[in-house]
Amino acid sequence: MTIKPAITMAAGVLLGLLGAVSAASADDTHCEVSSDDDLTLNPRSLILIRESDTPQRLVMRPGVLFVDDRWVEAKADDRTCLIQFERQIRDGVPLAQAVGRAAADIAITALGEVAAGFSRNPEATRAQLANVREKIDIRLKQSFSKSQLTLVEIDDVIGALVAELLPQLIGDVVAGAVQSAITGNDVQLRSLDGLEARIERLVEPQARALRPRAQQWCRRLETLDGLDNALAYRLPSGEPLQLLRVDRRTVK
């Protein structure tokens, strides 16, 4: 095999890597969550801050609500909704973090498979992947204490951190392909064939295990949206609080 086809094959495998992971880990449904509020949890309260528009500050405690500069006299049904909303948030944190960790594991597993076979220094690459994994875990632990209403966007976090490794990984794979082409080591080059399929098979069990928890998290978000919509309280403008919006749709 000549050098140019070897480079093309190596680059093609890496470009297809993310597609393979995405296909293996795709869920039947996907939750799009949006909110105008930043959230902080402390032992006593659930605090929501809105940078623009009103209200600018909401404080929830069991069954009571503080809006901007005053406590609101909530009706019985609203008190029930407020209690349930706060409970759903607090109880959902471990689940959301578990979903994020599982998604991170899928990405790290896939990259680790590439590193194992094609990196010039597999151990160093694995160490870097472990460091990425640790950073993701730290971000997940901080996600509800650092003004996040909806859990930190795990796809964005994984993508940003993994992007730090991709230039080196691509360089390693291409350099390895060039060296193999020069030395006539077709065995390693042939091992690139079917790598995407191998990665899919490798991560599919993890993706399958993740789906029920991801769906459970989607259902919890929908419950929160329903509680938000059920609040009878209205702002002085007559508008609802509209704490979050959830759009759940089938992924094709």
Protein backbone atom coordinates (compact mmCIF):
# COMPACT_ATOMS: atom_id res chain seq x y z
CA MET A 1 0.00 0.00 0.00
CA THR A 2 1.35 3.43 -0.92
CA ILE A 3 1.59 6.34 1.49
CA LYS A 4 -1.29 8.41 0.08
CA PRO A 5 -3.94 5.65 0.30
CA ALA A 6 -2.68 4.81 3.78
CA ILE A 7 -3.17 8.40 4.96
CA THR A 8 -6.58 8.54 3.31
CA MET A 9 -7.63 5.34 5.04
CA ALA A 10 -6.39 6.51 8.44
CA ALA A 11 -8.07 9.89 8.12
CA GLY A 12 -11.29 8.28 6.95
CA VAL A 13 -11.38 6.00 9.95
CA LEU A 14 -10.95 8.92 12.35
CA LEU A 15 -13.59 11.00 10.61
CA GLY A 16 -15.99 8.09 10.83
CA LEU A 17 -15.23 7.45 14.49
CA LEU A 18 -17.65 10.02 15.87
CA GLY A 19 -20.35 8.75 13.54
CA ALA A 20 -19.83 5.22 14.78
CA VAL A 21 -20.08 6.28 18.40
CA SER A 22 -23.13 8.41 17.67
CA ALA A 23 -24.90 5.58 15.89
CA ALA A 24 -24.18 3.13 18.67
CA SER A 25 -25.19 5.45 21.48
CA ALA A 26 -28.24 7.11 19.89
CA ASP A 27 -31.39 6.80 21.94
CA ASP A 28 -34.91 6.36 20.61
CA THR A 29 -35.85 9.73 22.06
CA HIS A 30 -34.07 12.96 22.71
CA CYS A 31 -34.90 15.71 25.18
CA GLU A 32 -34.28 19.30 24.21
CA VAL A 33 -34.38 21.44 27.35
CA SER A 34 -34.21 25.21 27.45
CA SER A 35 -34.48 27.71 30.28
CA ASP A 36 -33.92 31.41 30.86
CA ASP A 37 -32.84 30.74 34.45
CA ASP A 38 -29.59 29.75 36.13
CA LEU A 39 -30.00 27.54 39.15
CA THR A 40 -28.15 27.08 42.41
CA LEU A 41 -29.02 24.49 45.04
CA ASN A 42 -28.15 24.86 48.68
CA PRO A 43 -29.40 22.89 51.69
CA ARG A 44 -32.26 25.32 52.31
CA SER A 45 -33.29 26.68 48.93
CA LEU A 46 -33.51 26.31 45.21
CA ILE A 47 -32.46 29.66 43.69
CA LEU A 48 -33.12 30.75 40.11
CA ILE A 49 -31.49 33.81 38.59
CA ARG A 50 -32.59 35.33 35.29
CA GLU A 51 -30.04 37.65 33.66
CA SER A 52 -32.58 39.43 31.49
CA ASP A 53 -36.32 39.99 31.70
CA THR A 54 -38.34 39.41 34.87
CA PRO A 55 -38.44 37.97 37.41
CA GLN A 56 -34.73 38.32 38.00
CA ARG A 57 -34.62 36.21 41.16
CA LEU A 58 -36.71 33.29 42.41
CA VAL A 59 -36.18 31.41 45.67
CA MET A 60 -38.02 28.16 46.34
CA ARG A 61 -38.28 26.54 49.73
CA PRO A 62 -40.67 23.72 50.59
CA GLY A 63 -44.03 25.07 49.49
CA VAL A 64 -43.06 28.75 49.42
CA LEU A 65 -41.85 31.11 46.71
CA PHE A 66 -39.89 34.36 46.79
CA VAL A 67 -40.14 36.50 43.63
CA ASP A 68 -37.68 39.38 43.24
CA ASP A 69 -38.37 41.39 46.41
CA ARG A 70 -41.22 39.62 48.18
CA TRP A 71 -42.57 36.29 49.36
CA VAL A 72 -45.57 35.12 47.35
CA GLU A 73 -48.68 33.81 49.08
CA ALA A 74 -49.08 30.58 47.11
CA LYS A 75 -52.35 28.68 46.88
CA ALA A 76 -52.55 25.10 48.13
CA ASP A 77 -52.13 23.54 44.67
CA ASP A 78 -49.16 25.78 43.93
CA ARG A 79 -47.54 24.88 47.24
CA THR A 80 -47.83 21.21 46.28
CA CYS A 81 -46.28 21.92 42.86
CA LEU A 82 -43.42 23.89 44.41
CA ILE A 83 -42.64 21.10 46.87
CA GLN A 84 -42.66 18.50 44.10
CA PHE A 85 -40.60 20.67 41.74
CA GLU A 86 -37.82 21.13 44.28
CA ARG A 87 -37.91 17.45 45.22
CA GLN A 88 -37.70 16.37 41.57
CA ILE A 89 -34.65 18.58 41.06
CA ARG A 90 -32.84 17.39 44.16
CA ASP A 91 -33.67 13.71 43.65
CA GLY A 92 -32.73 13.91 39.97
CA VAL A 93 -29.17 15.15 40.41
CA PRO A 94 -27.59 11.68 40.93
CA LEU A 95 -29.47 10.29 37.91
CA ALA A 96 -28.43 13.18 35.67
CA GLN A 97 -24.81 12.81 36.73
CA ALA A 98 -24.94 9.05 36.12
CA VAL A 99 -26.27 9.61 32.60
CA GLY A 100 -23.49 12.10 31.93
CA ARG A 101 -20.81 9.74 33.22
CA ALA A 102 -22.13 6.88 31.09
CA ALA A 103 -22.11 9.07 27.98
CA ALA A 104 -18.54 10.09 28.76
CA ASP A 105 -17.53 6.45 29.19
CA ILE A 106 -18.84 5.64 25.71
CA ALA A 107 -16.74 8.37 24.11
CA ILE A 108 -13.63 7.47 26.10
CA THR A 109 -14.05 3.77 25.28
CA ALA A 110 -14.17 4.52 21.56
CA LEU A 111 -11.11 6.75 21.62
CA GLY A 112 -9.30 4.24 23.79
CA GLU A 113 -9.85 1.57 21.14
CA VAL A 114 -8.16 3.78 18.56
CA ALA A 115 -5.32 4.63 20.93
CA ALA A 116 -4.71 0.97 21.75
CA GLY A 117 -4.05 0.03 18.15
CA PHE A 118 -2.76 3.09 16.39
CA SER A 119 -1.20 5.58 18.79
CA ARG A 120 2.58 5.79 18.76
CA ASN A 121 2.41 5.95 22.55
CA PRO A 122 -0.76 4.12 23.66
CA GLU A 123 -0.01 4.42 27.37
CA ALA A 124 0.43 8.19 27.17
CA THR A 125 -2.78 8.51 25.17
CA ARG A 126 -4.68 6.36 27.68
CA ALA A 127 -3.35 8.54 30.50
CA GLN A 128 -4.63 11.62 28.68
CA LEU A 129 -8.00 9.95 28.15
CA ALA A 130 -8.16 9.18 31.87
CA ASN A 131 -7.46 12.85 32.54
CA VAL A 132 -10.29 13.86 30.21
CA ARG A 133 -12.57 11.43 32.02
CA GLU A 134 -11.64 12.97 35.37
CA LYS A 135 -12.33 16.49 34.08
CA ILE A 136 -15.76 15.42 32.84
CA ASP A 137 -16.57 13.90 36.23
CA ILE A 138 -15.57 17.13 37.98
CA ARG A 139 -17.79 19.15 35.64
CA LEU A 140 -20.70 16.83 36.35
CA LYS A 141 -20.24 17.17 40.11
CA GLN A 142 -20.20 20.95 39.76
CA SER A 143 -23.09 21.19 37.32
CA PHE A 144 -25.82 21.91 39.86
CA SER A 145 -23.69 24.08 42.11
CA LYS A 146 -22.45 26.32 39.31
CA SER A 147 -25.70 27.95 38.22
CA GLN A 148 -27.03 25.28 35.88
CA LEU A 149 -30.75 24.58 35.69
CA THR A 150 -30.49 21.87 33.07
CA LEU A 151 -27.55 19.56 33.59
CA VAL A 152 -24.31 20.71 31.99
CA GLU A 153 -24.44 20.01 28.25
CA ILE A 154 -22.52 16.75 28.38
CA ASP A 155 -22.11 16.52 24.59
CA ASP A 156 -20.45 19.94 24.52
CA VAL A 157 -18.22 19.14 27.49
CA ILE A 158 -17.10 15.80 26.05
CA GLY A 159 -16.58 17.34 22.64
CA ALA A 160 -14.47 20.21 23.95
CA LEU A 161 -12.28 18.02 26.14
CA VAL A 162 -11.83 15.26 23.57
CA ALA A 163 -10.98 17.89 20.95
CA GLU A 164 -7.84 18.58 22.96
CA LEU A 165 -6.69 15.03 22.17
CA LEU A 166 -7.80 14.70 18.57
CA PRO A 167 -4.87 16.56 16.93
CA GLN A 168 -2.39 14.28 18.67
CA LEU A 169 -4.46 11.18 18.00
CA ILE A 170 -4.88 12.04 14.33
CA GLY A 171 -1.16 12.75 14.09
CA ASP A 172 -0.35 9.41 15.70
CA VAL A 173 -2.65 7.44 13.42
CA VAL A 174 -1.50 9.16 10.23
CA ALA A 175 2.16 8.88 11.25
CA GLY A 176 1.63 5.21 12.02
CA ALA A 177 -0.06 4.69 8.67
CA VAL A 178 2.81 6.41 6.85
CA GLN A 179 5.39 4.34 8.72
CA SER A 180 3.49 1.14 7.97
CA ALA A 181 3.26 2.06 4.29
CA ILE A 182 6.99 2.82 4.13
CA THR A 183 7.98 -0.39 5.91
CA GLY A 184 5.39 -2.47 4.10
CA ASN A 185 3.61 -3.41 7.34
CA ASP A 186 0.23 -4.11 5.78
CA VAL A 187 -0.97 -5.95 8.89
CA GLN A 188 -1.46 -2.74 10.87
CA LEU A 189 -2.96 -0.97 7.88
CA ARG A 190 -5.44 -3.78 7.32
CA SER A 191 -6.41 -3.54 10.97
CA LEU A 192 -7.91 -0.14 10.14
CA ASP A 193 -10.50 -1.94 8.07
CA GLY A 194 -13.66 -2.45 10.06
CA LEU A 195 -12.52 -0.29 12.97
CA GLU A 196 -15.79 1.63 12.99
CA ALA A 197 -17.78 -1.59 13.16
CA ARG A 198 -15.56 -2.86 15.99
CA ILE A 199 -16.11 0.35 17.93
CA GLU A 200 -19.87 0.10 17.44
CA ARG A 201 -19.83 -3.45 18.78
CA LEU A 202 -17.66 -2.36 21.69
CA VAL A 203 -19.81 0.54 22.83
CA GLU A 204 -23.22 -0.92 21.99
CA PRO A 205 -23.57 -2.73 25.38
CA GLN A 206 -22.77 0.55 27.17
CA ALA A 207 -25.23 2.45 24.99
CA ARG A 208 -27.93 -0.17 25.61
CA ALA A 209 -27.38 0.10 29.36
CA LEU A 210 -27.54 3.89 29.17
CA ARG A 211 -30.88 4.12 27.34
CA PRO A 212 -33.21 3.30 30.27
CA ARG A 213 -31.52 5.88 32.50
CA ALA A 214 -31.52 8.50 29.74
CA GLN A 215 -35.23 7.88 29.17
CA GLN A 216 -35.82 8.09 32.92
CA TRP A 217 -34.06 11.47 32.98
CA CYS A 218 -36.21 12.64 30.06
CA ARG A 219 -39.35 11.62 31.95
CA ARG A 220 -38.17 13.52 35.01
CA LEU A 221 -37.59 16.63 32.92
CA GLU A 222 -41.08 16.28 31.49
CA THR A 223 -42.45 16.00 35.02
CA LEU A 224 -40.65 19.21 35.98
CA ASP A 225 -42.06 20.93 32.90
CA GLY A 226 -45.55 19.72 33.83
CA LEU A 227 -45.23 21.03 37.39
CA ASP A 228 -44.00 24.36 36.05
CA ASN A 229 -46.96 24.56 33.66
CA ALA A 230 -49.41 23.62 36.43
CA LEU A 231 -48.54 26.62 38.61
CA ALA A 232 -51.49 28.99 38.82
CA TYR A 233 -49.26 31.84 40.02
CA ARG A 234 -48.79 34.62 37.50
CA LEU A 235 -46.31 37.46 37.37
CA PRO A 236 -47.59 41.04 37.66
CA SER A 237 -47.52 41.09 33.85
CA GLY A 238 -49.95 38.17 33.82
CA GLU A 239 -47.37 35.78 32.35
CA PRO A 240 -46.50 32.37 33.85
CA LEU A 241 -43.10 31.75 35.42
CA GLN A 242 -42.04 29.42 32.57
CA LEU A 243 -39.04 27.95 34.39
CA LEU A 244 -38.14 25.50 31.64
CA ARG A 245 -39.30 24.09 28.33
CA VAL A 246 -38.91 20.45 27.29
CA ASP A 247 -39.24 19.12 23.76
CA ARG A 248 -39.05 15.35 23.55
CA ARG A 249 -38.87 13.90 20.07
CA THR A 250 -37.98 10.69 18.31
CA VAL A 251 -34.49 10.48 16.87
CA LYS A 252 -34.46 9.03 13.37
